[in-house]
Amino acid sequence: MNIHHQHKSLLPLLGICLAGLLLGNGRTSAQPETGAPPRSKTYKWSLIETAKDTNHRLTALRITSPASATSADSVISCDPQQRCQEIVGIGGALTESAAWTLAQLPAKSRMEVLRRYFDPKDGLGYTVCRTHMNSCDFSLNSWSLDDTPGDVTLTNFTLEPMRRWLMPLIRDARTACGETNFHLLVSTWSPPAWMKSNGEMIHGGSLKPEDRDVWANFFVRFIQAMKQQEGIPVWAVTVQNEPAAKQRWESCLYTAEEERDFVRDHLGPALEKAGLNDVHLLVWDHNRDLLYQRATTVFKDPGASRYVWGAALHWYGPEMFDESSRVHADFPDKALLFTEGCWEGGVKLGQWDRGERYARNMIGDFRNWVCGWIDWNIALNTSGGPNHVGNNCDAPVIVDCQKGEVYYQTSFYYIGHFSRFVKPGAHRIVSSGGPGTLQSVAFVNPDGSVVTVVLNATDTPARFGLSVGGQSLACSIPAHAIQTYVGTPR
């Protein structure tokens, strides 16, 4: 298995595409909501494949002459006239651990990793990134941007703890992406210890009632400092990472009602007073299983809801994709954004199921109204860290810091089957049918191209038809493979 490609470039971008393949797996429970019917058109097709037991890694393959599928039951039908949610982008997390890991590489190798992730033409085309305000478990140690007890005026607030490792990574990723394309989401794992009920950033605890306004102003100060001192705009913030989890690392507990009240009475007004209404605010930022309950508590309150753009979700726990459709059905004006997922328990180089899990989750989320998808750490060392509490995990890029070698895992390529071809501003389109062993999802890009991603996570190859706007292709997919079909209007 060829997973060790530290100096190889990605294949040239084959073109922007729009699209559609979907299978019965994970059907959307709501009807499409946007889009005027485009005029009938024909497409020139491109096929990109990643497959186990081959050297295909985002590899362009030749498509045979178009032909009709022999069985209607095996046809994936995509309708570019029926458009659903707009896609804001796909990306990964810029943590202190990722920054430190990449900094151990020679400068040229480090920039090659960032190019392969962020370059809009030759890379995966990442555009949406998540970072942390104050430390998280994937930091070298615990720290905050104001460690002075009782500093309610935030006189000692400083970005200095971010400047050695994090800030260079954020700046370089933004440059590789293109400054106008780069969108930074900021989440917090914990307020400073002096604002917490337990007096420490770790082990849960909660925000002291008397410090709610101070903590809200901390968000404002951070957003302003990033823009004024670093020239980096903050696109969005979440109230709290995993507010229902008491962890041995940085964490802070909120009930649904506490999060609602903090947004309504403190954070929302603070952002508004500072003229930061253009910064998107998301709640929950935790697992899918409680998404509907937690989001509903906030969205049903008009005073809180007016400040909130949407809800964020993670993949830990059951894969309850339809929870997003439940939220969308009741609150169609609210965005749903996937903000974290990773394989826990350390690194397993070359594990094929790593990539398949990503694709399965991305298909399930996009089919259920999720508008963007952010992976966790973009890079870690061979132990799955550094992590200051030993909560080691896997990542799409693994770096051997002693040898200076870079390993691109299956998850890197599987994510690329979406991020490289589905452009910001694309819309998911309605798609259905196909063999029950496959999963699929389809999009249409702003340029009119159609993109259909098909996943085969089984041990058996499959044949199927792809129908887009009345035009058909006869297709086949190997066992344990992912394919992206790109239809460019003629």
Protein backbone atom coordinates (compact mmCIF):
# COMPACT_ATOMS: atom_id res chain seq x y z
CA MET A 1 0.00 0.00 0.00
CA ASN A 2 1.53 3.24 -1.18
CA ILE A 3 0.90 5.68 1.66
CA HIS A 4 4.35 7.17 1.94
CA HIS A 5 4.41 10.10 -0.50
CA GLN A 6 6.25 12.87 1.26
CA HIS A 7 7.49 14.63 -1.87
CA LYS A 8 4.88 13.85 -4.49
CA SER A 9 2.49 16.53 -5.72
CA LEU A 10 -1.22 15.99 -6.13
CA LEU A 11 -2.41 15.49 -9.67
CA PRO A 12 -3.37 18.72 -11.43
CA LEU A 13 -6.87 19.86 -10.68
CA LEU A 14 -9.14 18.51 -13.36
CA GLY A 15 -11.64 21.29 -13.21
CA ILE A 16 -14.44 22.56 -11.08
CA CYS A 17 -17.45 20.32 -10.98
CA LEU A 18 -20.99 20.24 -9.78
CA ALA A 19 -23.03 17.34 -9.12
CA GLY A 20 -24.81 14.47 -8.12
CA LEU A 21 -24.86 10.95 -7.00
CA LEU A 22 -26.75 9.73 -4.01
CA LEU A 23 -27.89 6.38 -2.82
CA GLY A 24 -30.72 5.31 -0.65
CA ASN A 25 -28.37 5.25 2.36
CA GLY A 26 -28.95 8.27 4.57
CA ARG A 27 -31.85 9.75 2.63
CA THR A 28 -32.69 13.35 3.31
CA SER A 29 -35.96 13.85 5.13
CA ALA A 30 -36.72 17.32 3.78
CA GLN A 31 -37.37 18.67 0.30
CA PRO A 32 -34.94 20.88 -1.63
CA GLU A 33 -35.30 24.51 -0.81
CA THR A 34 -33.42 26.63 -3.32
CA GLY A 35 -32.49 27.06 -6.94
CA ALA A 36 -34.16 27.91 -10.23
CA PRO A 37 -34.24 25.11 -12.85
CA PRO A 38 -31.24 25.50 -15.18
CA ARG A 39 -31.63 24.84 -18.88
CA SER A 40 -30.95 21.33 -20.14
CA LYS A 41 -27.26 20.78 -20.93
CA THR A 42 -24.79 18.07 -21.79
CA TYR A 43 -21.56 17.39 -19.93
CA LYS A 44 -17.99 16.38 -20.59
CA TRP A 45 -17.09 13.85 -17.92
CA SER A 46 -13.97 13.30 -15.84
CA LEU A 47 -13.42 10.47 -13.34
CA ILE A 48 -11.10 10.57 -10.32
CA GLU A 49 -10.51 7.46 -8.20
CA THR A 50 -8.83 6.31 -4.99
CA ALA A 51 -8.87 2.53 -4.52
CA LYS A 52 -7.38 -0.02 -2.16
CA ASP A 53 -4.72 -2.43 -3.45
CA THR A 54 -3.90 -0.07 -6.33
CA ASN A 55 -1.75 3.02 -6.73
CA HIS A 56 -4.82 5.13 -7.44
CA ARG A 57 -4.79 8.18 -5.15
CA LEU A 58 -6.98 10.96 -6.53
CA THR A 59 -6.01 9.52 -9.90
CA ALA A 60 -7.65 10.66 -13.13
CA LEU A 61 -9.01 7.72 -15.14
CA ARG A 62 -10.36 7.46 -18.64
CA ILE A 63 -14.12 7.17 -19.04
CA THR A 64 -15.43 4.90 -21.76
CA SER A 65 -18.13 6.05 -24.17
CA PRO A 66 -21.40 7.05 -22.47
CA ALA A 67 -23.95 4.27 -22.32
CA SER A 68 -27.25 3.63 -20.60
CA ALA A 69 -27.31 1.42 -17.55
CA THR A 70 -29.09 -1.90 -18.08
CA SER A 71 -31.09 -1.85 -14.83
CA ALA A 72 -33.12 1.09 -13.59
CA ASP A 73 -32.54 -0.13 -10.04
CA SER A 74 -28.79 0.40 -10.37
CA VAL A 75 -28.92 3.98 -11.64
CA ILE A 76 -27.92 6.92 -9.47
CA SER A 77 -30.09 9.76 -10.70
CA CYS A 78 -29.07 13.37 -10.06
CA ASP A 79 -31.25 16.37 -10.73
CA PRO A 80 -29.30 19.65 -11.03
CA GLN A 81 -32.64 21.49 -11.16
CA GLN A 82 -33.40 20.60 -7.52
CA ARG A 83 -30.90 22.41 -5.33
CA CYS A 84 -30.56 22.11 -1.58
CA GLN A 85 -28.11 23.74 0.89
CA GLU A 86 -25.23 25.96 -0.20
CA ILE A 87 -21.78 24.63 0.71
CA VAL A 88 -19.54 27.08 2.58
CA GLY A 89 -16.39 24.97 2.34
CA ILE A 90 -14.33 22.02 3.58
CA GLY A 91 -11.16 22.06 5.67
CA GLY A 92 -9.33 21.05 8.84
CA ALA A 93 -8.13 22.26 12.24
CA LEU A 94 -5.05 24.38 12.84
CA THR A 95 -4.12 23.37 16.38
CA GLU A 96 -0.97 24.13 18.34
CA SER A 97 -0.03 20.46 18.08
CA ALA A 98 -0.40 20.49 14.29
CA ALA A 99 1.62 23.70 14.13
CA TRP A 100 4.42 22.29 16.30
CA THR A 101 4.50 19.04 14.32
CA LEU A 102 4.80 20.76 10.95
CA ALA A 103 7.44 23.11 12.35
CA GLN A 104 9.72 20.09 12.92
CA LEU A 105 9.99 19.64 9.15
CA PRO A 106 12.41 21.49 6.89
CA ALA A 107 10.74 24.68 5.68
CA LYS A 108 10.31 23.36 2.13
CA SER A 109 8.63 20.14 3.31
CA ARG A 110 6.35 22.04 5.67
CA MET A 111 5.18 24.34 2.89
CA GLU A 112 4.64 21.33 0.61
CA VAL A 113 2.16 19.90 3.15
CA LEU A 114 0.32 23.23 3.29
CA ARG A 115 0.32 23.47 -0.50
CA ARG A 116 -1.14 20.00 -0.83
CA TYR A 117 -3.88 20.89 1.64
CA PHE A 118 -4.72 24.46 0.68
CA ASP A 119 -3.68 25.22 -2.89
CA PRO A 120 -6.92 25.82 -4.85
CA LYS A 121 -5.50 24.36 -8.07
CA ASP A 122 -3.00 21.64 -7.18
CA GLY A 123 -4.05 20.83 -3.60
CA LEU A 124 -7.18 19.68 -1.79
CA GLY A 125 -8.57 23.19 -1.88
CA TYR A 126 -9.23 23.57 1.87
CA THR A 127 -10.98 26.87 2.63
CA VAL A 128 -12.49 26.56 6.13
CA CYS A 129 -10.27 26.06 9.19
CA ARG A 130 -10.85 25.78 12.91
CA THR A 131 -8.50 26.93 15.65
CA HIS A 132 -8.70 27.32 19.41
CA MET A 133 -8.95 30.43 21.62
CA ASN A 134 -6.91 29.47 24.71
CA SER A 135 -5.43 25.98 24.79
CA CYS A 136 -7.08 22.65 24.03
CA ASP A 137 -5.93 19.05 24.50
CA PHE A 138 -3.97 19.34 21.24
CA SER A 139 -1.77 22.02 22.73
CA LEU A 140 1.69 21.60 24.20
CA ASN A 141 0.36 22.62 27.64
CA SER A 142 -2.52 24.54 29.20
CA TRP A 143 -2.53 28.31 28.65
CA SER A 144 -4.89 31.21 28.24
CA LEU A 145 -4.62 34.64 26.67
CA ASP A 146 -5.18 36.30 30.05
CA ASP A 147 -3.94 34.36 33.04
CA THR A 148 -4.15 37.27 35.48
CA PRO A 149 -6.72 36.42 38.20
CA GLY A 150 -9.47 39.00 38.55
CA ASP A 151 -8.50 40.93 35.40
CA VAL A 152 -12.12 41.80 34.60
CA THR A 153 -11.06 44.66 32.31
CA LEU A 154 -8.81 42.25 30.36
CA THR A 155 -5.91 44.66 30.68
CA ASN A 156 -3.44 41.80 30.36
CA PHE A 157 -5.09 40.09 27.38
CA THR A 158 -2.47 39.10 24.81
CA LEU A 159 -2.13 36.92 21.70
CA GLU A 160 1.48 36.16 22.69
CA PRO A 161 0.86 32.47 23.59
CA MET A 162 -0.26 31.88 19.99
CA ARG A 163 2.65 33.58 18.28
CA ARG A 164 5.37 30.93 18.45
CA TRP A 165 3.53 27.99 16.87
CA LEU A 166 -0.10 28.74 15.98
CA MET A 167 0.06 32.13 14.30
CA PRO A 168 2.67 31.19 11.67
CA LEU A 169 0.56 28.18 10.68
CA ILE A 170 -2.63 30.21 10.41
CA ARG A 171 -0.88 32.87 8.33
CA ASP A 172 0.79 30.37 6.00
CA ALA A 173 -2.39 28.35 5.53
CA ARG A 174 -4.25 31.54 4.68
CA THR A 175 -1.62 32.49 2.14
CA ALA A 176 -1.64 29.03 0.52
CA CYS A 177 -5.43 29.09 0.35
CA GLY A 178 -5.73 32.66 -0.87
CA GLU A 179 -6.68 35.34 1.63
CA THR A 180 -10.14 35.98 0.16
CA ASN A 181 -10.96 32.25 0.20
CA PHE A 182 -9.79 31.51 3.76
CA HIS A 183 -12.41 31.30 6.52
CA LEU A 184 -11.34 30.89 10.15
CA LEU A 185 -13.65 29.37 12.76
CA VAL A 186 -12.60 29.85 16.40
CA SER A 187 -13.70 27.58 19.25
CA THR A 188 -12.86 27.67 22.92
CA TRP A 189 -12.28 24.65 25.16
CA SER A 190 -12.19 26.64 28.40
CA PRO A 191 -12.16 30.16 29.79
CA PRO A 192 -9.14 31.10 31.91
CA ALA A 193 -9.02 29.20 35.21
CA TRP A 194 -9.89 32.29 37.24
CA MET A 195 -13.27 32.54 35.51
CA LYS A 196 -14.16 28.91 36.28
CA SER A 197 -16.15 27.40 39.15
CA ASN A 198 -13.47 24.75 39.71
CA GLY A 199 -10.52 27.15 39.46
CA GLU A 200 -8.82 25.25 36.63
CA MET A 201 -9.12 24.98 32.85
CA ILE A 202 -9.30 21.18 32.89
CA HIS A 203 -11.82 18.75 34.44
CA GLY A 204 -14.97 20.57 33.37
CA GLY A 205 -16.28 23.15 35.77
CA SER A 206 -18.47 25.99 34.58
CA LEU A 207 -18.25 29.69 33.88
CA LYS A 208 -18.81 31.77 37.00
CA PRO A 209 -22.03 33.81 36.71
CA GLU A 210 -20.19 37.00 37.71
CA ASP A 211 -17.71 36.55 34.84
CA ARG A 212 -20.19 36.03 31.99
CA ASP A 213 -19.79 39.58 30.69
CA VAL A 214 -16.02 39.38 31.06
CA TRP A 215 -15.92 36.14 29.08
CA ALA A 216 -18.15 37.63 26.38
CA ASN A 217 -15.79 40.59 26.12
CA PHE A 218 -12.89 38.12 25.86
CA PHE A 219 -14.40 36.88 22.57
CA VAL A 220 -14.67 40.46 21.35
CA ARG A 221 -11.09 41.25 22.35
CA PHE A 222 -9.82 38.14 20.57
CA ILE A 223 -11.63 38.86 17.31
CA GLN A 224 -10.47 42.47 17.35
CA ALA A 225 -6.86 41.55 18.14
CA MET A 226 -6.71 38.96 15.38
CA LYS A 227 -7.83 41.53 12.85
CA GLN A 228 -5.93 44.56 14.12
CA GLN A 229 -2.67 42.92 15.21
CA GLU A 230 -2.39 39.95 12.86
CA GLY A 231 -4.50 41.03 9.88
CA ILE A 232 -6.53 37.80 10.14
CA PRO A 233 -10.32 38.13 10.17
CA VAL A 234 -12.40 35.68 12.22
CA TRP A 235 -15.23 34.26 10.14
CA ALA A 236 -17.12 32.40 12.89
CA VAL A 237 -17.02 31.38 16.56
CA THR A 238 -18.62 28.63 18.59
CA VAL A 239 -19.72 29.27 22.16
CA GLN A 240 -17.99 26.23 23.64
CA ASN A 241 -16.37 23.04 22.40
CA GLU A 242 -18.31 20.01 23.65
CA PRO A 243 -20.27 21.75 26.40
CA ALA A 244 -21.73 18.46 27.70
CA ALA A 245 -18.35 16.76 28.29
CA LYS A 246 -16.33 16.92 31.49
CA GLN A 247 -12.84 16.02 30.27
CA ARG A 248 -9.42 15.60 31.87
CA TRP A 249 -8.30 18.27 29.41
CA GLU A 250 -9.63 21.81 28.85
CA SER A 251 -13.41 21.75 29.15
CA CYS A 252 -16.31 23.81 30.45
CA LEU A 253 -19.86 22.64 31.03
CA TYR A 254 -23.03 24.41 29.90
CA THR A 255 -26.58 23.14 30.02
CA ALA A 256 -28.66 23.98 26.97
CA GLU A 257 -30.37 26.70 28.98
CA GLU A 258 -27.06 28.14 30.21
CA GLU A 259 -25.72 28.30 26.66
CA ARG A 260 -28.94 29.96 25.49
CA ASP A 261 -28.82 32.55 28.25
CA PHE A 262 -25.13 33.28 27.74
CA VAL A 263 -25.74 33.93 24.05
CA ARG A 264 -28.89 36.00 24.62
CA ASP A 265 -27.75 38.10 27.55
CA HIS A 266 -23.98 38.34 27.20
CA LEU A 267 -22.15 37.09 24.09
CA GLY A 268 -24.65 38.16 21.46
CA PRO A 269 -25.02 41.71 22.82
CA ALA A 270 -21.22 42.04 23.26
CA LEU A 271 -20.56 41.10 19.63
CA GLU A 272 -23.33 43.42 18.46
CA LYS A 273 -22.10 46.35 20.55
CA ALA A 274 -18.61 45.89 19.08
CA GLY A 275 -19.98 45.94 15.53
CA LEU A 276 -19.11 42.29 14.96
CA ASN A 277 -22.48 41.20 13.59
CA ASP A 278 -20.75 39.75 10.53
CA VAL A 279 -18.99 37.09 12.68
CA HIS A 280 -21.10 33.92 12.53
CA LEU A 281 -22.06 32.50 15.93
CA LEU A 282 -22.72 28.77 16.36
CA VAL A 283 -23.99 26.79 19.34
CA TRP A 284 -23.59 23.20 20.54
CA ASP A 285 -20.30 22.15 18.84
CA HIS A 286 -20.71 18.61 20.07
CA ASN A 287 -22.08 15.23 18.96
CA ARG A 288 -24.98 14.56 16.60
CA ASP A 289 -27.07 12.57 19.09
CA LEU A 290 -28.07 15.64 21.13
CA LEU A 291 -27.97 18.13 18.26
CA TYR A 292 -31.72 18.57 17.93
CA GLN A 293 -32.35 18.96 21.65
CA ARG A 294 -29.56 21.46 22.21
CA ALA A 295 -30.13 23.50 19.06
CA THR A 296 -33.88 23.69 19.63
CA THR A 297 -33.42 25.14 23.11
CA VAL A 298 -31.51 28.09 21.65
CA PHE A 299 -33.35 28.50 18.34
CA LYS A 300 -36.80 28.58 19.97
CA ASP A 301 -35.80 31.59 22.07
CA PRO A 302 -36.19 34.69 19.86
CA GLY A 303 -33.80 36.73 22.02
CA ALA A 304 -31.00 34.17 21.63
CA SER A 305 -31.82 33.03 18.12
CA ARG A 306 -31.39 36.48 16.61
CA TYR A 307 -27.66 36.31 17.33
CA VAL A 308 -27.08 32.74 16.16
CA TRP A 309 -26.15 31.68 12.62
CA GLY A 310 -26.44 27.96 13.29
CA ALA A 311 -25.30 24.85 15.15
CA ALA A 312 -22.04 22.89 15.00
CA LEU A 313 -21.71 19.12 15.27
CA HIS A 314 -19.09 16.38 15.80
CA TRP A 315 -19.08 12.68 14.84
CA TYR A 316 -18.19 10.99 18.16
CA GLY A 317 -20.99 8.65 19.18
CA PRO A 318 -23.75 7.21 16.98
CA GLU A 319 -23.90 8.28 13.33
CA MET A 320 -27.34 9.87 13.63
CA PHE A 321 -27.20 11.88 10.40
CA ASP A 322 -30.94 12.52 10.35
CA GLU A 323 -30.68 14.69 13.47
CA SER A 324 -29.44 17.44 11.16
CA SER A 325 -32.48 17.03 8.93
CA ARG A 326 -34.72 17.32 12.01
CA VAL A 327 -33.10 20.64 12.89
CA HIS A 328 -33.34 21.86 9.30
CA ALA A 329 -37.01 20.92 9.06
CA ASP A 330 -37.90 23.04 12.09
CA PHE A 331 -35.34 25.84 11.56
CA PRO A 332 -34.59 26.03 7.82
CA ASP A 333 -32.92 29.44 8.22
CA LYS A 334 -30.18 28.05 10.49
CA ALA A 335 -26.87 26.67 9.22
CA LEU A 336 -25.50 23.27 10.21
CA LEU A 337 -21.71 22.93 10.20
CA PHE A 338 -19.58 19.87 10.96
CA THR A 339 -16.64 21.12 13.02
CA GLU A 340 -14.72 18.08 14.34
CA GLY A 341 -14.08 14.43 13.70
CA CYS A 342 -11.02 12.18 14.04
CA TRP A 343 -9.96 8.61 14.78
CA GLU A 344 -9.17 8.37 18.47
CA GLY A 345 -6.58 6.07 20.04
CA GLY A 346 -3.43 6.99 18.16
CA VAL A 347 -1.97 6.42 14.70
CA LYS A 348 -2.38 3.41 12.42
CA LEU A 349 -0.49 4.09 9.22
CA GLY A 350 -2.16 2.82 6.07
CA GLN A 351 -5.47 1.76 7.63
CA TRP A 352 -7.95 1.85 4.75
CA ASP A 353 -11.03 2.17 6.95
CA ARG A 354 -9.76 5.59 8.08
CA GLY A 355 -10.66 7.07 4.72
CA GLU A 356 -13.92 5.17 4.43
CA ARG A 357 -15.16 6.52 7.73
CA TYR A 358 -14.53 10.07 6.56
CA ALA A 359 -16.38 9.54 3.28
CA ARG A 360 -19.32 7.81 4.96
CA ASN A 361 -19.70 10.68 7.40
CA MET A 362 -19.29 13.39 4.80
CA ILE A 363 -21.92 11.79 2.57
CA GLY A 364 -24.30 11.32 5.51
CA ASP A 365 -23.85 14.88 6.70
CA PHE A 366 -24.13 16.56 3.31
CA ARG A 367 -27.26 14.55 2.48
CA ASN A 368 -28.78 15.90 5.68
CA TRP A 369 -28.29 19.65 5.18
CA VAL A 370 -24.82 20.15 6.63
CA CYS A 371 -23.28 23.11 4.78
CA GLY A 372 -19.57 22.59 5.48
CA TRP A 373 -17.16 20.04 6.92
CA ILE A 374 -14.04 20.58 9.07
CA ASP A 375 -11.68 17.74 9.96
CA TRP A 376 -9.70 17.82 13.22
CA ASN A 377 -5.85 18.17 13.28
CA ILE A 378 -4.39 18.60 9.81
CA ALA A 379 -1.16 16.92 10.95
CA LEU A 380 0.21 15.01 13.96
CA ASN A 381 3.37 13.10 14.85
CA THR A 382 3.72 9.32 14.64
CA SER A 383 2.36 8.93 18.18
CA GLY A 384 -0.79 10.90 17.33
CA GLY A 385 0.26 13.98 19.28
CA PRO A 386 1.68 15.97 20.86
CA ASN A 387 -1.22 16.05 23.29
CA HIS A 388 -0.58 17.33 26.80
CA VAL A 389 -2.92 14.80 28.42
CA GLY A 390 -2.14 11.82 26.17
CA ASN A 391 -5.40 11.92 24.21
CA ASN A 392 -3.59 10.85 21.04
CA CYS A 393 -5.46 10.55 17.74
CA ASP A 394 -4.91 9.86 14.06
CA ALA A 395 -4.78 12.49 11.31
CA PRO A 396 -4.76 12.60 7.48
CA VAL A 397 -1.10 13.69 7.53
CA ILE A 398 1.41 12.04 9.88
CA VAL A 399 4.92 13.39 10.34
CA ASP A 400 7.95 11.42 11.49
CA CYS A 401 9.67 14.31 13.23
CA GLN A 402 12.99 12.44 13.62
CA LYS A 403 13.28 11.39 9.98
CA GLY A 404 11.57 14.43 8.49
CA GLU A 405 9.18 12.22 6.53
CA VAL A 406 5.52 12.85 5.77
CA TYR A 407 2.83 10.16 5.38
CA TYR A 408 -0.41 10.91 3.57
CA GLN A 409 -3.11 8.63 4.92
CA THR A 410 -6.20 7.31 3.17
CA SER A 411 -8.29 9.94 4.93
CA PHE A 412 -6.30 12.67 3.14
CA TYR A 413 -7.31 11.31 -0.25
CA TYR A 414 -10.89 10.48 0.68
CA ILE A 415 -11.51 14.02 1.98
CA GLY A 416 -9.93 15.29 -1.23
CA HIS A 417 -12.61 13.59 -3.30
CA PHE A 418 -14.95 16.21 -1.85
CA SER A 419 -12.83 19.27 -1.06
CA ARG A 420 -10.95 19.35 -4.34
CA PHE A 421 -14.03 19.33 -6.54
CA VAL A 422 -16.93 20.74 -4.50
CA LYS A 423 -16.30 24.47 -4.43
CA PRO A 424 -17.52 27.04 -1.89
CA GLY A 425 -20.86 28.31 -3.16
CA ALA A 426 -21.82 24.91 -4.59
CA HIS A 427 -25.24 23.47 -3.78
CA ARG A 428 -26.09 19.91 -2.99
CA ILE A 429 -28.57 18.59 -5.52
CA VAL A 430 -31.23 15.92 -5.16
CA SER A 431 -30.00 12.43 -6.05
CA SER A 432 -31.33 8.95 -5.43
CA GLY A 433 -31.10 5.31 -6.47
CA GLY A 434 -28.18 3.06 -7.23
CA PRO A 435 -27.03 -0.27 -5.79
CA GLY A 436 -27.72 -0.61 -2.11
CA THR A 437 -24.06 -1.41 -1.46
CA LEU A 438 -22.97 2.09 -2.50
CA GLN A 439 -23.33 5.54 -0.96
CA SER A 440 -23.31 8.77 -2.92
CA VAL A 441 -23.97 12.50 -2.89
CA ALA A 442 -24.09 15.13 -5.64
CA PHE A 443 -23.46 18.86 -6.00
CA VAL A 444 -23.58 21.63 -8.57
CA ASN A 445 -20.78 24.20 -8.51
CA PRO A 446 -21.13 27.93 -9.15
CA ASP A 447 -19.75 27.40 -12.68
CA GLY A 448 -22.47 24.86 -13.50
CA SER A 449 -20.31 21.76 -13.26
CA VAL A 450 -21.83 18.73 -11.54
CA VAL A 451 -19.89 16.64 -9.01
CA THR A 452 -20.98 13.19 -7.85
CA VAL A 453 -19.04 11.30 -5.18
CA VAL A 454 -19.59 7.52 -4.93
CA LEU A 455 -18.29 5.32 -2.09
CA ASN A 456 -17.92 1.54 -2.16
CA ALA A 457 -16.85 0.36 1.30
CA THR A 458 -17.55 -3.31 0.56
CA ASP A 459 -15.35 -6.22 -0.54
CA THR A 460 -17.14 -6.49 -3.91
CA PRO A 461 -16.85 -4.31 -7.03
CA ALA A 462 -20.09 -2.80 -8.31
CA ARG A 463 -21.59 -1.62 -11.58
CA PHE A 464 -24.07 1.23 -11.73
CA GLY A 465 -25.42 3.90 -13.99
CA LEU A 466 -25.06 7.62 -13.43
CA SER A 467 -27.82 9.81 -14.82
CA VAL A 468 -27.55 13.60 -14.72
CA GLY A 469 -30.19 15.69 -16.46
CA GLY A 470 -31.10 12.83 -18.76
CA GLN A 471 -27.49 12.05 -19.76
CA SER A 472 -26.27 8.61 -18.67
CA LEU A 473 -22.94 6.92 -18.01
CA ALA A 474 -22.25 3.24 -17.45
CA CYS A 475 -19.91 3.09 -14.44
CA SER A 476 -18.04 0.58 -12.32
CA ILE A 477 -16.28 1.00 -8.99
CA PRO A 478 -13.74 -1.37 -7.39
CA ALA A 479 -14.07 -2.78 -3.89
CA HIS A 480 -13.01 -0.35 -1.15
CA ALA A 481 -12.85 2.64 -3.44
CA ILE A 482 -14.16 6.17 -3.79
CA GLN A 483 -14.84 7.91 -7.09
CA THR A 484 -15.65 11.48 -8.05
CA TYR A 485 -17.44 12.11 -11.36
CA VAL A 486 -17.17 15.64 -12.69
CA GLY A 487 -19.47 16.81 -15.42
CA THR A 488 -18.37 20.05 -17.07
CA PRO A 489 -21.05 21.73 -19.20
CA ARG A 490 -20.20 21.67 -22.88
